[in-house]
């Protein structure tokens, strides 16, 4: 199974309880799982991550190839997930 990470997963982890200098094992574990193709970050999401920390930015840059999902986007599948999984008539509030 492949887990996709959202930008806030990494940003919140870094900015709260799992800072790189506080819990380096968390970041090593993420790298380990990315190298085993267990977790990835979609390219569009990767570009949303704009860390304030220089150390966090360097870590992201150093691991970009390891984390970036290399799948080709399938527009038909995305539309199917949106219409069947979420529904056609969802409002912004929902």
Protein backbone atom coordinates (compact mmCIF):
# COMPACT_ATOMS: atom_id res chain seq x y z
CA UNK A 1 0.00 0.00 0.00
CA UNK A 2 1.21 3.50 -0.83
CA UNK A 3 0.49 6.38 1.53
CA UNK A 4 0.36 9.90 0.14
CA UNK A 5 1.46 12.67 2.46
CA UNK A 6 -0.17 16.07 2.43
CA UNK A 7 1.81 19.27 2.93
CA UNK A 8 0.30 19.92 6.35
CA UNK A 9 1.46 16.49 7.56
CA UNK A 10 5.07 17.57 7.25
CA UNK A 11 4.59 21.25 8.12
CA UNK A 12 2.60 20.55 11.29
CA UNK A 13 4.98 17.80 12.35
CA UNK A 14 7.96 20.10 11.94
CA UNK A 15 6.35 23.15 13.53
CA UNK A 16 4.88 21.36 16.57
CA UNK A 17 5.98 18.15 18.25
CA UNK A 18 8.40 16.63 15.75
CA UNK A 19 10.95 19.33 15.05
CA UNK A 20 14.03 18.05 13.27
CA UNK A 21 16.29 18.70 16.22
CA UNK A 22 13.73 17.36 18.76
CA UNK A 23 12.79 14.07 17.10
CA UNK A 24 15.24 13.32 14.27
CA UNK A 25 14.04 9.69 14.29
CA UNK A 26 10.67 10.81 12.89
CA UNK A 27 12.36 12.33 9.83
CA UNK A 28 14.65 9.33 9.39
CA UNK A 29 11.61 7.06 9.57
CA UNK A 30 9.85 9.08 6.86
CA UNK A 31 12.93 8.83 4.64
CA UNK A 32 13.16 5.09 5.26
CA UNK A 33 9.52 4.52 4.27
CA UNK A 34 9.82 6.76 1.21
CA UNK A 35 12.84 4.77 0.04
CA UNK A 36 10.78 1.58 0.45
CA UNK A 37 8.03 3.19 -1.67
CA UNK A 38 5.58 3.19 1.22
CA UNK A 39 4.95 6.93 1.33
CA UNK A 40 5.20 9.67 -1.27
CA UNK A 41 4.26 13.29 -1.82
CA UNK A 42 2.41 14.22 -5.03
CA UNK A 43 4.41 16.85 -6.98
CA UNK A 44 1.68 19.48 -6.69
CA UNK A 45 1.60 18.99 -2.92
CA UNK A 46 5.40 19.04 -2.65
CA UNK A 47 5.41 22.52 -4.17
CA UNK A 48 2.92 23.72 -1.52
CA UNK A 49 5.46 23.12 1.23
CA UNK A 50 7.22 26.39 1.95
CA UNK A 51 9.08 25.92 5.23
CA UNK A 52 10.32 28.80 7.34
CA UNK A 53 13.18 26.71 8.65
CA UNK A 54 16.37 26.53 6.60
CA UNK A 55 17.05 23.04 7.98
CA UNK A 56 13.59 21.82 6.92
CA UNK A 57 14.03 23.32 3.42
CA UNK A 58 17.41 21.58 3.05
CA UNK A 59 15.89 18.26 4.16
CA UNK A 60 13.08 18.62 1.61
CA UNK A 61 15.50 19.52 -1.18
CA UNK A 62 17.83 16.66 -0.29
CA UNK A 63 14.95 14.15 -0.32
CA UNK A 64 12.88 15.51 -3.19
CA UNK A 65 13.56 12.58 -5.52
CA UNK A 66 12.90 10.06 -2.77
CA UNK A 67 9.54 11.54 -1.77
CA UNK A 68 8.09 12.83 -5.03
CA UNK A 69 5.40 10.60 -6.51
CA UNK A 70 6.33 9.64 -10.02
CA UNK A 71 2.92 8.53 -11.21
CA UNK A 72 1.35 10.17 -14.23
CA UNK A 73 -1.88 11.93 -13.36
CA UNK A 74 -4.96 10.13 -14.63
CA UNK A 75 -7.64 12.82 -15.13
CA UNK A 76 -10.43 10.32 -15.79
CA UNK A 77 -9.69 8.50 -12.55
CA UNK A 78 -9.58 11.75 -10.60
CA UNK A 79 -12.97 12.80 -12.02
CA UNK A 80 -14.36 9.38 -11.12
CA UNK A 81 -13.15 9.66 -7.52
CA UNK A 82 -14.60 13.16 -7.19
CA UNK A 83 -18.01 12.30 -8.67
CA UNK A 84 -18.43 8.85 -7.13
CA UNK A 85 -16.55 9.37 -3.88
CA UNK A 86 -17.62 12.91 -3.09
CA UNK A 87 -20.71 13.49 -5.25
CA UNK A 88 -21.60 15.87 -8.05
CA UNK A 89 -23.50 18.48 -6.09
CA UNK A 90 -21.27 19.21 -3.13
CA UNK A 91 -21.25 22.78 -1.87
CA UNK A 92 -18.20 24.64 -0.61
CA UNK A 93 -19.49 24.24 2.96
CA UNK A 94 -19.77 20.48 2.64
